[in-house]
Amino acid sequence: MPELPEVETVRRGLDPFLRGARIERVTLYRENLRFAFPQGFATALAGQTIETLDRRAKYLLFTLSGGAVWLTHLGMTGAYLVSDHPIAEPSRRDEGDKSGRHVHLAARLVHPHHGPLTLSYADPRRFGFMGLYAPDAANPFTAPLGPEPLGNQLSADGLASALQGRKGPIKTLLLDQRIIAGLGNIYVCEALHRAGIDPRRPGGSVVALNGAPGTELLALVPAIRGVLEEALEAGGSTLRDFRTSDGTPGYFQHSFAVYGREGEPCLKPRCGGTVARIVQAGRSSFFCPSCQH
């Protein structure tokens, strides 16, 4: 499943070609992905202009000129492709079978600078999905989400309030999208390692008795931001089908300190520990028992 840096990389790659583009027509080649396409979806999109392309957690949000929001979740193998145009920023692409049998949506666009474009959505496993929400309508996917980990929404004080008194493992709590939006397994493992926090610790243990963030929690917030920003600079991580715009892999996986490194030496200077792996809530947690307490 693509994590926040991968989805943000997609957004940055698509934005120059989609922002300001008018949707001339939309063709659907099947009735559903993970869920059915909204009723009248293709008709509702036609004639609209894409005013902004944003990201909320792991969702792409196309804001249309009529005020509606077109939401996409990429699932495991979903990929947007812009025909015949190289994407300047790295973008998640899986060309796969070029027969087109995995393309489930094609939109004919006209961009004020790039001219006619075709935006295609391909998804071999069909775990992705799309929604369309009227202006000011409640969005059941984004409404419950916590603060974004990039920018100023995430703070040590806010995270302390969310974790205070919580007895569940901090690793599992950080994967709760209501606490922090968009964090996934890889980057939680990496951030906890940077902050020196054992993933098995109760979430409330990093909060002082007076409710203030403890020393480790103060280190965790910049660790989360740092690992995500570095992943963005590297174009994301290569897991299964993630690729940059020219088909080459993302490279942040070469910078993993603990993820996928079970039995290998900890990379922290003067640690000398060995990376271990445990399973928490059905997910692999990688950490160093010597420097994460």
C-alpha atoms as a PDB file:
ATOM      1  CA  MET A   1       0.000   0.000   0.000  1.00  0.00           C
ATOM      2  CA  PRO A   2       1.528   3.370  -0.958  1.00  0.00           C
ATOM      3  CA  GLU A   3       2.240   5.600   2.020  1.00  0.00           C
ATOM      4  CA  LEU A   4       2.055   9.365   2.338  1.00  0.00           C
ATOM      5  CA  PRO A   5       5.345  10.183   0.531  1.00  0.00           C
ATOM      6  CA  GLU A   6       4.350   8.031  -2.444  1.00  0.00           C
ATOM      7  CA  VAL A   7       0.917   9.660  -2.723  1.00  0.00           C
ATOM      8  CA  GLU A   8       2.388  13.147  -2.349  1.00  0.00           C
ATOM      9  CA  THR A   9       4.918  12.264  -5.045  1.00  0.00           C
ATOM     10  CA  VAL A  10       2.047  11.329  -7.343  1.00  0.00           C
ATOM     11  CA  ARG A  11       0.277  14.606  -6.582  1.00  0.00           C
ATOM     12  CA  ARG A  12       3.365  16.658  -7.378  1.00  0.00           C
ATOM     13  CA  GLY A  13       3.898  14.804 -10.615  1.00  0.00           C
ATOM     14  CA  LEU A  14       0.335  15.226 -11.838  1.00  0.00           C
ATOM     15  CA  ASP A  15      -0.321  18.776 -10.649  1.00  0.00           C
ATOM     16  CA  PRO A  16       1.350  20.683 -13.540  1.00  0.00           C
ATOM     17  CA  PHE A  17      -0.785  18.792 -16.071  1.00  0.00           C
ATOM     18  CA  LEU A  18      -4.106  18.712 -14.238  1.00  0.00           C
ATOM     19  CA  ARG A  19      -4.439  22.044 -12.448  1.00  0.00           C
ATOM     20  CA  GLY A  20      -6.514  24.270 -14.708  1.00  0.00           C
ATOM     21  CA  ALA A  21      -7.398  21.468 -17.135  1.00  0.00           C
ATOM     22  CA  ARG A  22     -10.959  21.167 -18.391  1.00  0.00           C
ATOM     23  CA  ILE A  23     -12.478  17.690 -18.426  1.00  0.00           C
ATOM     24  CA  GLU A  24     -14.042  17.181 -21.848  1.00  0.00           C
ATOM     25  CA  ARG A  25     -15.285  13.639 -21.319  1.00  0.00           C
ATOM     26  CA  VAL A  26     -14.752  10.606 -19.088  1.00  0.00           C
ATOM     27  CA  THR A  27     -14.978   6.976 -20.135  1.00  0.00           C
ATOM     28  CA  LEU A  28     -15.386   4.172 -17.590  1.00  0.00           C
ATOM     29  CA  TYR A  29     -14.417   0.681 -18.688  1.00  0.00           C
ATOM     30  CA  ARG A  30     -16.010  -1.103 -15.736  1.00  0.00           C
ATOM     31  CA  GLU A  31     -18.642  -0.364 -13.106  1.00  0.00           C
ATOM     32  CA  ASN A  32     -16.456  -0.699 -10.043  1.00  0.00           C
ATOM     33  CA  LEU A  33     -12.995  -0.781  -8.502  1.00  0.00           C
ATOM     34  CA  ARG A  34     -12.921  -1.758  -4.815  1.00  0.00           C
ATOM     35  CA  PHE A  35     -16.299  -0.037  -4.635  1.00  0.00           C
ATOM     36  CA  ALA A  36     -18.716   0.928  -7.390  1.00  0.00           C
ATOM     37  CA  PHE A  37     -18.104   4.234  -9.133  1.00  0.00           C
ATOM     38  CA  PRO A  38     -20.592   6.866  -7.919  1.00  0.00           C
ATOM     39  CA  GLN A  39     -23.828   6.959  -9.901  1.00  0.00           C
ATOM     40  CA  GLY A  40     -23.512   9.387 -12.809  1.00  0.00           C
ATOM     41  CA  PHE A  41     -19.776   9.781 -12.125  1.00  0.00           C
ATOM     42  CA  ALA A  42     -18.574  10.245 -15.722  1.00  0.00           C
ATOM     43  CA  THR A  43     -21.400  12.667 -16.570  1.00  0.00           C
ATOM     44  CA  ALA A  44     -20.794  14.742 -13.435  1.00  0.00           C
ATOM     45  CA  LEU A  45     -17.097  15.170 -14.239  1.00  0.00           C
ATOM     46  CA  ALA A  46     -17.565  16.208 -17.855  1.00  0.00           C
ATOM     47  CA  GLY A  47     -17.391  19.951 -18.365  1.00  0.00           C
ATOM     48  CA  GLN A  48     -15.692  20.604 -15.029  1.00  0.00           C
ATOM     49  CA  THR A  49     -12.285  22.259 -14.622  1.00  0.00           C
ATOM     50  CA  ILE A  50      -9.790  20.835 -12.141  1.00  0.00           C
ATOM     51  CA  GLU A  51      -8.991  23.845  -9.966  1.00  0.00           C
ATOM     52  CA  THR A  52      -6.670  22.201  -7.439  1.00  0.00           C
ATOM     53  CA  LEU A  53      -5.077  18.819  -6.832  1.00  0.00           C
ATOM     54  CA  ASP A  54      -4.480  18.238  -3.129  1.00  0.00           C
ATOM     55  CA  ARG A  55      -3.631  15.353  -0.835  1.00  0.00           C
ATOM     56  CA  ARG A  56      -5.206  14.470   2.505  1.00  0.00           C
ATOM     57  CA  ALA A  57      -3.445  11.566   4.220  1.00  0.00           C
ATOM     58  CA  LYS A  58      -3.274   8.912   1.463  1.00  0.00           C
ATOM     59  CA  TYR A  59      -6.113  10.349  -0.632  1.00  0.00           C
ATOM     60  CA  LEU A  60      -5.840  12.486  -3.764  1.00  0.00           C
ATOM     61  CA  LEU A  61      -8.448  15.255  -3.900  1.00  0.00           C
ATOM     62  CA  PHE A  62      -9.357  16.958  -7.195  1.00  0.00           C
ATOM     63  CA  THR A  63     -11.368  20.114  -6.472  1.00  0.00           C
ATOM     64  CA  LEU A  64     -13.611  20.911  -9.427  1.00  0.00           C
ATOM     65  CA  SER A  65     -14.889  24.257 -10.693  1.00  0.00           C
ATOM     66  CA  GLY A  66     -18.417  23.464  -9.529  1.00  0.00           C
ATOM     67  CA  GLY A  67     -17.129  22.957  -5.980  1.00  0.00           C
ATOM     68  CA  ALA A  68     -17.367  19.169  -5.893  1.00  0.00           C
ATOM     69  CA  VAL A  69     -14.401  17.051  -4.812  1.00  0.00           C
ATOM     70  CA  TRP A  70     -13.258  13.988  -6.774  1.00  0.00           C
ATOM     71  CA  LEU A  71     -11.470  11.657  -4.334  1.00  0.00           C
ATOM     72  CA  THR A  72      -9.113   8.828  -5.283  1.00  0.00           C
ATOM     73  CA  HIS A  73      -7.403   6.186  -3.178  1.00  0.00           C
ATOM     74  CA  LEU A  74      -4.722   4.325  -5.145  1.00  0.00           C
ATOM     75  CA  GLY A  75      -5.030   1.052  -3.246  1.00  0.00           C
ATOM     76  CA  MET A  76      -2.053  -1.232  -3.841  1.00  0.00           C
ATOM     77  CA  THR A  77      -1.575  -0.940  -7.603  1.00  0.00           C
ATOM     78  CA  GLY A  78      -3.506   2.138  -8.744  1.00  0.00           C
ATOM     79  CA  ALA A  79      -1.656   4.573 -11.002  1.00  0.00           C
ATOM     80  CA  TYR A  80      -2.614   7.735 -12.870  1.00  0.00           C
ATOM     81  CA  LEU A  81      -0.884   8.222 -16.217  1.00  0.00           C
ATOM     82  CA  VAL A  82      -0.758  11.340 -18.390  1.00  0.00           C
ATOM     83  CA  SER A  83      -0.365  10.293 -22.006  1.00  0.00           C
ATOM     84  CA  ASP A  84       2.672  11.404 -24.011  1.00  0.00           C
ATOM     85  CA  HIS A  85       3.943  13.801 -21.368  1.00  0.00           C
ATOM     86  CA  PRO A  86       6.945  13.213 -19.107  1.00  0.00           C
ATOM     87  CA  ILE A  87       6.204  14.043 -15.484  1.00  0.00           C
ATOM     88  CA  ALA A  88       8.833  16.376 -14.034  1.00  0.00           C
ATOM     89  CA  GLU A  89       8.509  15.221 -10.442  1.00  0.00           C
ATOM     90  CA  PRO A  90       8.835  11.516  -9.639  1.00  0.00           C
ATOM     91  CA  SER A  91       5.481   9.811  -9.851  1.00  0.00           C
ATOM     92  CA  ARG A  92       4.126   6.396  -9.041  1.00  0.00           C
ATOM     93  CA  ARG A  93       3.734   4.546 -12.312  1.00  0.00           C
ATOM     94  CA  ASP A  94       3.240   0.917 -13.145  1.00  0.00           C
ATOM     95  CA  GLU A  95       2.974   0.566 -16.909  1.00  0.00           C
ATOM     96  CA  GLY A  96       2.493  -3.192 -16.609  1.00  0.00           C
ATOM     97  CA  ASP A  97       0.479  -4.721 -19.415  1.00  0.00           C
ATOM     98  CA  LYS A  98       0.375  -2.167 -22.222  1.00  0.00           C
ATOM     99  CA  SER A  99      -2.707  -3.818 -23.735  1.00  0.00           C
ATOM    100  CA  GLY A 100      -4.823  -1.408 -21.690  1.00  0.00           C
ATOM    101  CA  ARG A 101      -6.863  -4.133 -20.016  1.00  0.00           C
ATOM    102  CA  HIS A 102      -6.050  -2.692 -16.578  1.00  0.00           C
ATOM    103  CA  VAL A 103      -7.101   0.867 -17.500  1.00  0.00           C
ATOM    104  CA  HIS A 104     -10.476   1.408 -15.875  1.00  0.00           C
ATOM    105  CA  LEU A 105     -10.963   5.144 -16.465  1.00  0.00           C
ATOM    106  CA  ALA A 106      -9.822   7.529 -19.201  1.00  0.00           C
ATOM    107  CA  ALA A 107     -10.494  11.268 -19.127  1.00  0.00           C
ATOM    108  CA  ARG A 108      -9.958  13.553 -22.093  1.00  0.00           C
ATOM    109  CA  LEU A 109      -8.644  16.900 -20.824  1.00  0.00           C
ATOM    110  CA  VAL A 110      -7.675  20.221 -22.352  1.00  0.00           C
ATOM    111  CA  HIS A 111      -5.000  22.133 -20.443  1.00  0.00           C
ATOM    112  CA  PRO A 112      -4.392  25.870 -21.074  1.00  0.00           C
ATOM    113  CA  HIS A 113      -0.645  25.295 -21.579  1.00  0.00           C
ATOM    114  CA  HIS A 114      -0.220  21.615 -22.448  1.00  0.00           C
ATOM    115  CA  GLY A 115      -3.230  21.326 -24.738  1.00  0.00           C
ATOM    116  CA  PRO A 116      -5.154  18.045 -25.135  1.00  0.00           C
ATOM    117  CA  LEU A 117      -4.252  15.335 -22.618  1.00  0.00           C
ATOM    118  CA  THR A 118      -5.527  11.911 -21.688  1.00  0.00           C
ATOM    119  CA  LEU A 119      -5.561  11.058 -17.990  1.00  0.00           C
ATOM    120  CA  SER A 120      -5.841   7.309 -17.425  1.00  0.00           C
ATOM    121  CA  TYR A 121      -6.295   5.338 -14.236  1.00  0.00           C
ATOM    122  CA  ALA A 122      -4.916   1.781 -14.272  1.00  0.00           C
ATOM    123  CA  ASP A 123      -5.272  -0.633 -11.361  1.00  0.00           C
ATOM    124  CA  PRO A 124      -4.516  -4.334 -11.920  1.00  0.00           C
ATOM    125  CA  ARG A 125      -5.717  -5.437  -8.469  1.00  0.00           C
ATOM    126  CA  ARG A 126      -8.584  -2.928  -8.282  1.00  0.00           C
ATOM    127  CA  PHE A 127      -8.067  -2.153  -4.593  1.00  0.00           C
ATOM    128  CA  GLY A 128      -8.259   1.572  -5.312  1.00  0.00           C
ATOM    129  CA  PHE A 129     -11.525   3.506  -5.349  1.00  0.00           C
ATOM    130  CA  MET A 130     -13.042   6.873  -6.261  1.00  0.00           C
ATOM    131  CA  GLY A 131     -15.705   9.099  -4.805  1.00  0.00           C
ATOM    132  CA  LEU A 132     -17.402  12.364  -5.738  1.00  0.00           C
ATOM    133  CA  TYR A 133     -18.650  14.722  -3.034  1.00  0.00           C
ATOM    134  CA  ALA A 134     -20.847  17.772  -3.502  1.00  0.00           C
ATOM    135  CA  PRO A 135     -19.679  21.143  -2.155  1.00  0.00           C
ATOM    136  CA  ASP A 136     -19.705  21.172   1.655  1.00  0.00           C
ATOM    137  CA  ALA A 137     -20.890  17.542   1.760  1.00  0.00           C
ATOM    138  CA  ALA A 138     -19.480  15.362   4.525  1.00  0.00           C
ATOM    139  CA  ASN A 139     -16.684  13.120   3.301  1.00  0.00           C
ATOM    140  CA  PRO A 140     -16.642   9.862   5.293  1.00  0.00           C
ATOM    141  CA  PHE A 141     -13.043   9.111   4.306  1.00  0.00           C
ATOM    142  CA  THR A 142     -11.396  12.413   5.225  1.00  0.00           C
ATOM    143  CA  ALA A 143     -13.660  13.670   8.030  1.00  0.00           C
ATOM    144  CA  PRO A 144     -12.281  11.368  10.779  1.00  0.00           C
ATOM    145  CA  LEU A 145      -8.619  11.975   9.934  1.00  0.00           C
ATOM    146  CA  GLY A 146      -6.147  13.451  12.391  1.00  0.00           C
ATOM    147  CA  PRO A 147      -3.568  16.150  11.657  1.00  0.00           C
ATOM    148  CA  GLU A 148      -1.247  15.960   8.675  1.00  0.00           C
ATOM    149  CA  PRO A 149       2.291  15.008   9.723  1.00  0.00           C
ATOM    150  CA  LEU A 150       3.862  17.571   7.392  1.00  0.00           C
ATOM    151  CA  GLY A 151       3.393  21.260   8.120  1.00  0.00           C
ATOM    152  CA  ASN A 152       2.224  22.842  11.350  1.00  0.00           C
ATOM    153  CA  GLN A 153      -0.862  20.722  12.059  1.00  0.00           C
ATOM    154  CA  LEU A 154       1.146  18.101  13.928  1.00  0.00           C
ATOM    155  CA  SER A 155       2.570  19.232  17.246  1.00  0.00           C
ATOM    156  CA  ALA A 156       4.056  17.552  20.301  1.00  0.00           C
ATOM    157  CA  ASP A 157       1.328  19.079  22.489  1.00  0.00           C
ATOM    158  CA  GLY A 158      -1.435  17.791  20.230  1.00  0.00           C
ATOM    159  CA  LEU A 159       0.097  14.333  20.030  1.00  0.00           C
ATOM    160  CA  ALA A 160       0.475  14.279  23.817  1.00  0.00           C
ATOM    161  CA  SER A 161      -3.252  14.947  24.168  1.00  0.00           C
ATOM    162  CA  ALA A 162      -4.049  12.102  21.780  1.00  0.00           C
ATOM    163  CA  LEU A 163      -1.730   9.626  23.534  1.00  0.00           C
ATOM    164  CA  GLN A 164      -2.321  10.573  27.173  1.00  0.00           C
ATOM    165  CA  GLY A 165      -3.551   7.586  29.165  1.00  0.00           C
ATOM    166  CA  ARG A 166      -3.416   5.241  26.172  1.00  0.00           C
ATOM    167  CA  LYS A 167      -2.175   1.751  27.054  1.00  0.00           C
ATOM    168  CA  GLY A 168      -1.893   0.365  23.528  1.00  0.00           C
ATOM    169  CA  PRO A 169       1.539   0.059  21.882  1.00  0.00           C
ATOM    170  CA  ILE A 170       2.736   3.366  20.510  1.00  0.00           C
ATOM    171  CA  LYS A 171       3.508   1.783  17.139  1.00  0.00           C
ATOM    172  CA  THR A 172      -0.102   0.675  16.707  1.00  0.00           C
ATOM    173  CA  LEU A 173      -1.467   4.015  17.909  1.00  0.00           C
ATOM    174  CA  LEU A 174       0.639   5.957  15.412  1.00  0.00           C
ATOM    175  CA  LEU A 175      -0.911   3.898  12.608  1.00  0.00           C
ATOM    176  CA  ASP A 176      -4.384   5.043  13.724  1.00  0.00           C
ATOM    177  CA  GLN A 177      -5.344   7.600  11.067  1.00  0.00           C
ATOM    178  CA  ARG A 178      -7.479   9.455  13.624  1.00  0.00           C
ATOM    179  CA  ILE A 179      -4.311  10.291  15.582  1.00  0.00           C
ATOM    180  CA  ILE A 180      -2.033  11.166  12.662  1.00  0.00           C
ATOM    181  CA  ALA A 181      -3.240  11.148   9.060  1.00  0.00           C
ATOM    182  CA  GLY A 182      -1.271   9.295   6.429  1.00  0.00           C
ATOM    183  CA  LEU A 183       1.392   7.534   8.454  1.00  0.00           C
ATOM    184  CA  GLY A 184       2.062   3.947   7.384  1.00  0.00           C
ATOM    185  CA  ASN A 185       4.070   1.040   8.682  1.00  0.00           C
ATOM    186  CA  ILE A 186       7.415   1.827   7.070  1.00  0.00           C
ATOM    187  CA  TYR A 187       7.701   5.410   8.224  1.00  0.00           C
ATOM    188  CA  VAL A 188       6.396   4.750  11.735  1.00  0.00           C
ATOM    189  CA  CYS A 189       9.140   2.138  12.202  1.00  0.00           C
ATOM    190  CA  GLU A 190      11.764   4.573  10.935  1.00  0.00           C
ATOM    191  CA  ALA A 191      10.514   7.518  13.010  1.00  0.00           C
ATOM    192  CA  LEU A 192      10.369   5.507  16.246  1.00  0.00           C
ATOM    193  CA  HIS A 193      13.936   4.366  15.658  1.00  0.00           C
ATOM    194  CA  ARG A 194      15.133   7.950  15.165  1.00  0.00           C
ATOM    195  CA  ALA A 195      13.366   9.042  18.345  1.00  0.00           C
ATOM    196  CA  GLY A 196      14.693   6.060  20.345  1.00  0.00           C
ATOM    197  CA  ILE A 197      11.236   4.748  21.284  1.00  0.00           C
ATOM    198  CA  ASP A 198      10.500   1.026  21.577  1.00  0.00           C
ATOM    199  CA  PRO A 199       7.405   0.256  19.438  1.00  0.00           C
ATOM    200  CA  ARG A 200       5.998  -1.925  22.253  1.00  0.00           C
ATOM    201  CA  ARG A 201       5.788   0.911  24.773  1.00  0.00           C
ATOM    202  CA  PRO A 202       2.343   2.103  25.844  1.00  0.00           C
ATOM    203  CA  GLY A 203       1.435   5.274  24.023  1.00  0.00           C
ATOM    204  CA  GLY A 204       0.774   7.135  27.258  1.00  0.00           C
ATOM    205  CA  SER A 205       4.310   6.431  28.508  1.00  0.00           C
ATOM    206  CA  VAL A 206       5.743   9.249  26.374  1.00  0.00           C
ATOM    207  CA  VAL A 207       3.439  11.793  28.063  1.00  0.00           C
ATOM    208  CA  ALA A 208       4.285  13.408  31.405  1.00  0.00           C
ATOM    209  CA  LEU A 209       1.906  13.177  34.360  1.00  0.00           C
ATOM    210  CA  ASN A 210       0.812  16.772  33.802  1.00  0.00           C
ATOM    211  CA  GLY A 211      -0.124  15.979  30.176  1.00  0.00           C
ATOM    212  CA  ALA A 212       2.903  17.672  28.645  1.00  0.00           C
ATOM    213  CA  PRO A 213       4.929  15.847  25.985  1.00  0.00           C
ATOM    214  CA  GLY A 214       7.897  13.930  27.384  1.00  0.00           C
ATOM    215  CA  THR A 215      11.426  14.206  26.026  1.00  0.00           C
ATOM    216  CA  GLU A 216      10.990  11.271  23.664  1.00  0.00           C
ATOM    217  CA  LEU A 217       7.726  12.635  22.298  1.00  0.00           C
ATOM    218  CA  LEU A 218       9.408  15.977  21.662  1.00  0.00           C
ATOM    219  CA  ALA A 219      11.942  14.045  19.573  1.00  0.00           C
ATOM    220  CA  LEU A 220       9.297  11.975  17.800  1.00  0.00           C
ATOM    221  CA  VAL A 221       7.496  14.825  16.029  1.00  0.00           C
ATOM    222  CA  PRO A 222      10.594  16.095  14.159  1.00  0.00           C
ATOM    223  CA  ALA A 223      11.576  12.474  13.505  1.00  0.00           C
ATOM    224  CA  ILE A 224       8.239  11.876  11.769  1.00  0.00           C
ATOM    225  CA  ARG A 225       8.600  15.010   9.673  1.00  0.00           C
ATOM    226  CA  GLY A 226      12.235  14.265   8.878  1.00  0.00           C
ATOM    227  CA  VAL A 227      11.711  10.739   7.634  1.00  0.00           C
ATOM    228  CA  LEU A 228       8.748  11.793   5.456  1.00  0.00           C
ATOM    229  CA  GLU A 229      10.599  14.766   3.970  1.00  0.00           C
ATOM    230  CA  GLU A 230      13.619  12.628   3.150  1.00  0.00           C
ATOM    231  CA  ALA A 231      11.394  10.035   1.511  1.00  0.00           C
ATOM    232  CA  LEU A 232       9.794  12.755  -0.608  1.00  0.00           C
ATOM    233  CA  GLU A 233      13.207  13.990  -1.726  1.00  0.00           C
ATOM    234  CA  ALA A 234      14.123  10.431  -2.728  1.00  0.00           C
ATOM    235  CA  GLY A 235      10.922   9.902  -4.693  1.00  0.00           C
ATOM    236  CA  GLY A 236       9.426   7.385  -2.290  1.00  0.00           C
ATOM    237  CA  SER A 237      10.180   3.758  -1.533  1.00  0.00           C
ATOM    238  CA  THR A 238      10.096   0.834  -3.922  1.00  0.00           C
ATOM    239  CA  LEU A 239       7.610  -1.757  -2.703  1.00  0.00           C
ATOM    240  CA  ARG A 240       5.897  -3.918  -5.316  1.00  0.00           C
ATOM    241  CA  ASP A 241       4.879  -1.478  -8.048  1.00  0.00           C
ATOM    242  CA  PHE A 242       6.167   1.928  -7.015  1.00  0.00           C
ATOM    243  CA  ARG A 243       8.201   3.588  -9.763  1.00  0.00           C
ATOM    244  CA  THR A 244       9.327   7.100 -10.652  1.00  0.00           C
ATOM    245  CA  SER A 245       8.063   8.857 -13.779  1.00  0.00           C
ATOM    246  CA  ASP A 246      10.706   7.279 -16.020  1.00  0.00           C
ATOM    247  CA  GLY A 247      10.035   3.778 -14.688  1.00  0.00           C
ATOM    248  CA  THR A 248      12.969   3.628 -12.271  1.00  0.00           C
ATOM    249  CA  PRO A 249      12.446   2.749  -8.604  1.00  0.00           C
ATOM    250  CA  GLY A 250      12.063   5.217  -5.752  1.00  0.00           C
ATOM    251  CA  TYR A 251      15.198   5.182  -3.642  1.00  0.00           C
ATOM    252  CA  PHE A 252      14.313   5.830  -0.009  1.00  0.00           C
ATOM    253  CA  GLN A 253      14.392   2.099   0.687  1.00  0.00           C
ATOM    254  CA  HIS A 254      18.186   2.368   0.452  1.00  0.00           C
ATOM    255  CA  SER A 255      18.066   4.701   3.471  1.00  0.00           C
ATOM    256  CA  PHE A 256      16.010   2.474   5.764  1.00  0.00           C
ATOM    257  CA  ALA A 257      17.618   2.310   9.189  1.00  0.00           C
ATOM    258  CA  VAL A 258      15.482  -0.552  10.499  1.00  0.00           C
ATOM    259  CA  TYR A 259      12.634  -1.454   8.144  1.00  0.00           C
ATOM    260  CA  GLY A 260      13.293  -4.801   6.467  1.00  0.00           C
ATOM    261  CA  ARG A 261      16.702  -5.126   8.153  1.00  0.00           C
ATOM    262  CA  GLU A 262      16.032  -7.882  10.685  1.00  0.00           C
ATOM    263  CA  GLY A 263      19.294  -9.384  11.971  1.00  0.00           C
ATOM    264  CA  GLU A 264      21.437  -6.598  10.541  1.00  0.00           C
ATOM    265  CA  PRO A 265      23.478  -4.103  12.598  1.00  0.00           C
ATOM    266  CA  CYS A 266      21.772  -0.957  13.874  1.00  0.00           C
ATOM    267  CA  LEU A 267      23.003   2.028  11.893  1.00  0.00           C
ATOM    268  CA  LYS A 268      23.014   4.490  14.795  1.00  0.00           C
ATOM    269  CA  PRO A 269      26.570   5.535  15.666  1.00  0.00           C
ATOM    270  CA  ARG A 270      28.005   3.732  18.693  1.00  0.00           C
ATOM    271  CA  CYS A 271      24.888   1.591  19.173  1.00  0.00           C
ATOM    272  CA  GLY A 272      26.196  -1.861  18.314  1.00  0.00           C
ATOM    273  CA  GLY A 273      22.724  -3.390  18.465  1.00  0.00           C
ATOM    274  CA  THR A 274      20.980  -5.712  16.025  1.00  0.00           C
ATOM    275  CA  VAL A 275      17.669  -4.942  14.315  1.00  0.00           C
ATOM    276  CA  ALA A 276      14.799  -7.166  15.486  1.00  0.00           C
ATOM    277  CA  ARG A 277      11.382  -7.883  14.026  1.00  0.00           C
ATOM    278  CA  ILE A 278       8.115  -8.490  15.868  1.00  0.00           C
ATOM    279  CA  VAL A 279       4.496  -8.555  14.736  1.00  0.00           C
ATOM    280  CA  GLN A 280       2.054  -5.986  16.101  1.00  0.00           C
ATOM    281  CA  ALA A 281      -1.588  -5.907  15.041  1.00  0.00           C
ATOM    282  CA  GLY A 282      -0.697  -8.057  12.055  1.00  0.00           C
ATOM    283  CA  ARG A 283       2.089  -5.747  10.854  1.00  0.00           C
ATOM    284  CA  SER A 284       5.846  -6.249  11.034  1.00  0.00           C
ATOM    285  CA  SER A 285       7.656  -3.871  13.384  1.00  0.00           C
ATOM    286  CA  PHE A 286      11.393  -3.437  12.955  1.00  0.00           C
ATOM    287  CA  PHE A 287      13.393  -1.840  15.767  1.00  0.00           C
ATOM    288  CA  CYS A 288      16.678  -1.932  17.662  1.00  0.00           C
ATOM    289  CA  PRO A 289      16.261  -3.265  21.228  1.00  0.00           C
ATOM    290  CA  SER A 290      19.610  -1.693  22.181  1.00  0.00           C
ATOM    291  CA  CYS A 291      18.818   1.964  21.449  1.00  0.00           C
ATOM    292  CA  GLN A 292      15.001   2.040  21.475  1.00  0.00           C
ATOM    293  CA  HIS A 293      13.643   2.032  25.012  1.00  0.00           C
END
